[in-house]
Protein backbone atom coordinates (compact mmCIF):
# COMPACT_ATOMS: atom_id res chain seq x y z
CA UNK A 1 111.98 110.75 90.36
CA UNK A 2 110.20 107.39 90.34
CA UNK A 3 111.50 104.90 92.93
CA UNK A 4 113.94 102.29 91.65
CA UNK A 5 112.47 98.94 90.62
CA UNK A 6 114.01 97.13 93.59
CA UNK A 7 112.37 99.71 95.88
CA UNK A 8 108.98 98.91 94.34
CA UNK A 9 109.32 95.16 94.86
CA UNK A 10 106.24 94.04 96.77
CA UNK A 11 103.82 91.14 96.51
CA UNK A 12 100.92 89.62 98.41
CA UNK A 13 102.57 87.30 100.93
CA UNK A 14 99.28 85.46 101.44
CA UNK A 15 99.29 85.06 105.22
CA UNK A 16 95.81 83.54 104.99
CA UNK A 17 97.17 80.59 102.98
CA UNK A 18 100.27 79.77 105.04
CA UNK A 19 100.13 76.29 106.51
CA UNK A 20 97.47 75.08 104.08
CA UNK A 21 97.90 72.52 101.31
CA UNK A 22 98.75 74.08 97.94
CA UNK A 23 95.67 75.17 96.02
CA UNK A 24 94.95 74.16 92.43
CA UNK A 25 97.10 76.17 90.05
CA UNK A 26 99.95 76.67 92.52
CA UNK A 27 103.42 76.75 90.98
CA UNK A 28 107.03 77.12 92.00
CA UNK A 29 109.88 79.50 91.25
CA UNK A 30 113.54 78.59 91.56
CA UNK A 31 116.49 80.56 92.91
CA UNK A 32 120.05 79.48 93.63
CA UNK A 33 123.38 81.23 94.21
CA UNK A 34 121.85 84.66 93.85
CA UNK A 35 120.17 83.84 90.53
CA UNK A 36 116.55 83.21 89.62
CA UNK A 37 115.07 81.02 86.87
CA UNK A 38 113.39 82.95 84.08
CA UNK A 39 111.45 81.98 81.00
CA UNK A 40 110.92 84.72 78.46
CA UNK A 41 110.78 88.01 80.34
CA UNK A 42 109.19 86.60 83.49
CA UNK A 43 109.76 84.06 86.23
CA UNK A 44 109.77 80.45 85.08
CA UNK A 45 106.64 78.76 86.47
CA UNK A 46 107.68 75.28 87.57
CA UNK A 47 105.87 72.25 89.04
CA UNK A 48 105.88 71.93 92.82
CA UNK A 49 108.30 69.37 94.28
CA UNK A 50 106.20 68.55 97.36
CA UNK A 51 109.13 68.23 99.75
CA UNK A 52 111.09 71.38 100.61
CA UNK A 53 108.76 73.82 98.87
CA UNK A 54 108.42 77.16 100.73
CA UNK A 55 105.30 79.28 100.39
CA UNK A 56 106.09 82.78 99.07
CA UNK A 57 102.66 84.27 98.53
CA UNK A 58 100.04 84.89 95.87
CA UNK A 59 100.39 86.38 92.40
CA UNK A 60 97.41 86.84 90.10
CA UNK A 61 95.32 84.53 92.34
CA UNK A 62 97.87 81.70 92.10
CA UNK A 63 99.91 80.51 95.06
CA UNK A 64 103.67 80.67 94.51
CA UNK A 65 106.31 78.54 96.23
CA UNK A 66 110.11 78.65 96.32
CA UNK A 67 111.46 75.30 95.17
CA UNK A 68 114.32 73.46 96.93
CA UNK A 69 117.90 73.56 95.74
CA UNK A 70 118.67 71.10 92.95
CA UNK A 71 115.25 71.30 91.31
CA UNK A 72 115.71 70.45 87.60
CA UNK A 73 114.94 73.30 85.21
CA UNK A 74 112.98 72.63 82.01
CA UNK A 75 114.24 73.49 78.55
CA UNK A 76 113.78 77.14 77.65
CA UNK A 77 114.47 78.47 81.12
CA UNK A 78 117.66 80.23 82.21
CA UNK A 79 119.24 81.53 85.40
CA UNK A 80 119.91 85.26 85.68
CA UNK A 81 121.16 87.49 88.47
CA UNK A 82 118.92 90.14 90.00
CA UNK A 83 121.11 92.82 88.43
CA UNK A 84 120.56 91.32 84.98
CA UNK A 85 116.77 91.11 85.23
CA UNK A 86 116.11 94.23 87.34
CA UNK A 87 115.46 96.39 84.28
CA UNK A 88 112.47 94.42 82.97
CA UNK A 89 111.08 92.02 85.61
CA UNK A 90 107.72 93.37 86.96
CA UNK A 91 107.86 94.59 90.58
CA UNK A 92 105.67 91.78 91.94
CA UNK A 93 107.76 89.10 90.25
CA UNK A 94 110.94 90.85 91.39
CA UNK A 95 109.62 90.70 94.95
CA UNK A 96 108.98 86.96 94.60
CA UNK A 97 112.47 86.49 93.16
CA UNK A 98 114.10 88.39 96.03
CA UNK A 99 112.13 86.38 98.59
CA UNK A 100 113.13 83.10 96.92
CA UNK A 101 116.79 84.12 96.79
CA UNK A 102 116.73 85.20 100.43
CA UNK A 103 115.17 81.94 101.56
CA UNK A 104 117.65 79.91 99.51
CA UNK A 105 120.60 81.78 101.02
CA UNK A 106 119.19 81.38 104.54
CA UNK A 107 118.63 77.63 104.16
CA UNK A 108 122.08 77.09 102.66
CA UNK A 109 123.81 78.91 105.53
CA UNK A 110 121.64 77.55 108.37
CA UNK A 111 121.88 73.78 108.16
CA UNK A 112 122.54 73.24 111.87
CA UNK A 113 121.05 74.72 115.01
CA UNK A 114 123.28 77.47 116.51
CA UNK A 115 122.19 76.43 120.03
CA UNK A 116 122.68 72.66 120.03
CA UNK A 117 124.34 71.81 116.69
CA UNK A 118 121.52 69.53 115.60
CA UNK A 119 120.35 69.31 112.00
CA UNK A 120 117.59 71.73 111.03
CA UNK A 121 114.43 70.86 109.08
CA UNK A 122 111.91 73.30 107.56
CA UNK A 123 108.48 73.79 109.08
CA UNK A 124 105.60 76.26 108.68
CA UNK A 125 105.76 76.37 104.91
CA UNK A 126 109.53 76.74 104.95
CA UNK A 127 109.75 79.89 107.06
CA UNK A 128 111.03 78.23 110.23
CA UNK A 129 113.93 75.80 110.64
CA UNK A 130 113.63 73.53 113.67
CA UNK A 131 116.02 71.03 115.27
CA UNK A 132 115.11 67.82 117.11
CA UNK A 133 115.18 69.72 120.43
CA UNK A 134 112.55 72.15 119.15
CA UNK A 135 114.78 75.21 118.81
CA UNK A 136 113.30 77.49 116.18
CA UNK A 137 115.36 79.53 113.70
CA UNK A 138 113.80 82.28 111.61
CA UNK A 139 115.11 84.13 108.53
CA UNK A 140 117.12 87.20 109.46
CA UNK A 141 117.56 90.51 107.70
CA UNK A 142 120.65 92.63 108.26
CA UNK A 143 119.97 96.35 107.98
CA UNK A 144 122.45 98.52 106.09
CA UNK A 145 122.41 102.25 105.41
CA UNK A 146 123.21 103.79 102.04
CA UNK A 147 123.60 107.55 101.77
CA UNK A 148 123.88 110.22 99.13
CA UNK A 149 126.20 112.75 100.76
CA UNK A 150 126.40 116.25 99.29
CA UNK A 151 128.46 119.24 100.42
CA UNK A 152 127.50 122.88 100.94
CA UNK A 153 127.86 123.51 97.17
CA UNK A 154 125.75 120.46 96.24
CA UNK A 155 128.68 118.35 95.05
CA UNK A 156 128.10 114.60 95.43
CA UNK A 157 130.45 112.22 97.23
CA UNK A 158 131.20 108.99 95.35
CA UNK A 159 133.64 106.21 96.20
CA UNK A 160 135.22 103.21 94.49
CA UNK A 161 134.99 100.15 96.74
CA UNK A 162 137.77 97.56 96.73
CA UNK A 163 135.29 94.99 95.41
CA UNK A 164 134.77 97.16 92.32
CA UNK A 165 138.33 98.18 91.64
CA UNK A 166 138.47 96.25 88.36
CA UNK A 167 135.13 97.38 86.89
CA UNK A 168 135.66 101.00 88.05
CA UNK A 169 132.19 101.26 89.55
CA UNK A 170 131.75 104.29 91.78
CA UNK A 171 128.79 104.62 94.11
CA UNK A 172 127.51 106.37 97.20
CA UNK A 173 128.64 105.26 100.66
CA UNK A 174 127.01 102.34 102.48
CA UNK A 175 127.56 100.24 105.57
CA UNK A 176 125.93 97.85 108.02
CA UNK A 177 124.13 98.78 111.20
CA UNK A 178 125.87 97.77 114.43
CA UNK A 179 124.05 96.30 117.48
CA UNK A 180 122.22 98.95 119.49
CA UNK A 181 122.67 101.59 116.79
CA UNK A 182 120.03 103.77 115.14
CA UNK A 183 119.92 104.15 111.38
CA UNK A 184 120.82 107.83 111.67
CA UNK A 185 123.80 107.09 113.92
CA UNK A 186 124.99 104.49 111.41
CA UNK A 187 124.91 107.08 108.60
CA UNK A 188 127.04 109.49 110.62
CA UNK A 189 129.45 106.78 111.78
CA UNK A 190 129.97 105.27 108.32
CA UNK A 191 130.68 108.68 106.78
CA UNK A 192 133.20 109.41 109.49
CA UNK A 193 134.84 105.98 109.29
CA UNK A 194 135.02 105.66 105.52
CA UNK A 195 135.96 109.20 104.45
CA UNK A 196 136.28 111.27 107.68
CA UNK A 197 133.38 113.58 106.80
CA UNK A 198 130.89 114.85 109.38
CA UNK A 199 127.32 115.01 108.06
CA UNK A 200 124.07 116.55 109.17
CA UNK A 201 120.55 117.24 107.78
CA UNK A 202 119.72 113.57 107.35
CA UNK A 203 116.51 112.72 105.48
CA UNK A 204 114.99 109.32 104.70
CA UNK A 205 114.71 108.30 101.02
CA UNK A 206 113.39 104.74 101.01
CA UNK A 207 114.48 101.13 101.33
CA UNK A 208 115.44 98.26 99.07
CA UNK A 209 115.69 94.53 99.79
CA UNK A 210 119.07 93.05 98.88
CA UNK A 211 119.25 89.38 99.96
CA UNK A 212 122.97 88.89 99.27
CA UNK A 213 122.97 87.23 101.63
CA UNK A 214 120.32 88.95 103.77
CA UNK A 215 120.38 92.75 103.63
CA UNK A 216 117.87 95.58 103.64
CA UNK A 217 119.34 98.80 102.23
CA UNK A 218 117.89 101.89 103.94
CA UNK A 219 118.55 105.08 101.97
CA UNK A 220 119.27 108.54 103.33
CA UNK A 221 120.41 111.92 102.10
CA UNK A 222 123.01 113.68 104.22
CA UNK A 223 124.97 116.89 103.92
CA UNK A 224 128.35 118.29 104.89
CA UNK A 225 128.32 121.94 105.98
CA UNK A 226 131.63 122.52 104.18
CA UNK A 227 132.52 122.79 100.48
CA UNK A 228 134.51 119.75 99.31
CA UNK A 229 135.88 118.89 102.77
CA UNK A 230 139.09 116.88 102.72
CA UNK A 231 138.54 113.13 102.43
CA UNK A 232 140.53 110.52 104.35
CA UNK A 233 139.78 107.17 102.73
CA UNK A 234 139.41 103.97 104.76
CA UNK A 235 141.91 101.95 102.73
CA UNK A 236 140.73 98.50 103.81
CA UNK A 237 137.34 99.17 102.16
CA UNK A 238 137.79 101.90 99.54
CA UNK A 239 140.19 102.47 96.67
CA UNK A 240 139.33 106.15 96.38
CA UNK A 241 136.65 108.75 97.04
CA UNK A 242 135.97 112.09 95.41
CA UNK A 243 133.55 115.01 95.28
CA UNK A 244 131.84 115.49 91.89
CA UNK A 245 129.79 118.30 90.48
CA UNK A 246 127.28 117.34 87.78
CA UNK A 247 129.50 118.33 84.87
CA UNK A 248 132.52 116.46 86.27
CA UNK A 249 130.51 113.26 86.73
CA UNK A 250 129.05 113.47 83.22
CA UNK A 251 132.51 113.99 81.73
CA UNK A 252 133.96 111.04 83.68
CA UNK A 253 131.14 108.79 82.47
CA UNK A 254 131.55 109.86 78.85
CA UNK A 255 135.30 109.25 79.04
CA UNK A 256 134.73 105.76 80.46
CA UNK A 257 136.71 106.60 83.60
CA UNK A 258 134.02 105.16 85.83
CA UNK A 259 130.61 103.53 85.78
CA UNK A 260 127.60 103.83 88.08
CA UNK A 261 125.57 101.15 89.91
CA UNK A 262 123.03 99.21 87.85
CA UNK A 263 119.67 100.71 86.99
CA UNK A 264 116.89 99.56 89.26
CA UNK A 265 118.96 99.94 92.43
CA UNK A 266 118.42 102.50 95.18
CA UNK A 267 122.03 103.65 94.76
CA UNK A 268 121.52 104.47 91.08
CA UNK A 269 118.17 106.14 91.79
CA UNK A 270 119.72 108.47 94.39
CA UNK A 271 122.61 109.35 92.09
CA UNK A 272 120.27 110.00 89.15
CA UNK A 273 118.00 112.11 91.37
CA UNK A 274 120.96 114.31 92.29
CA UNK A 275 122.11 114.53 88.65
CA UNK A 276 118.60 115.72 87.68
CA UNK A 277 118.66 118.36 90.41
CA UNK A 278 115.68 116.79 92.17
CA UNK A 279 115.07 116.10 95.84
């Protein structure tokens, strides 16, 4: 199955142009609060502001910058979430949007130096925040694992997170990496903590940026050696969890009992791959 759109997000980050004055034809894109400015079915191309612009890279031979918060948007543009535009935004533009959102989130949450408390100002085309004492702060990415767990009979484990109780969205398990932990160890730990299931036969699927606020989702397949082992749900994170065969999941979707993650996400891609009987 073709990788999800968010897994394909990639653009030329233009390392050769970092630190240089904007070239002719350079333009800006705007992101705020997890949303990106669109015009038509693509990113809105906006004038540079000069102060606070952050260099994102190059698209179709034009340099692209992330514009500072509060930039006025022209008529005809609109703000949409990544989930809303994931189905039709081209992969390169999606990559620019994700980078702009990630930078905006980082700047909004890192206004003061964690070492001395001094105010931070952007340098190096917006990719470093520096205080008066010269302490440098760089954007961070928090790794998280997301895993499609199947049992010995190829049933799929899905769970309803507390955050999605109202919209009845069920998805595969996920969780953040802890300090000093490998990705594989995180998969095994999260499965044990969230549903008390031991897994083996881990295999890497792919990764997806998710800058909300600063995550990278790393996908795995994993398997239980038992058939529908008993689940013990971690109640402070999950409402419920259940094993599904393909017919049961299709029936639940048709009846409106649950919904799946949005198209374009690595979670949906792994679920759809299982439903299609593919590896």
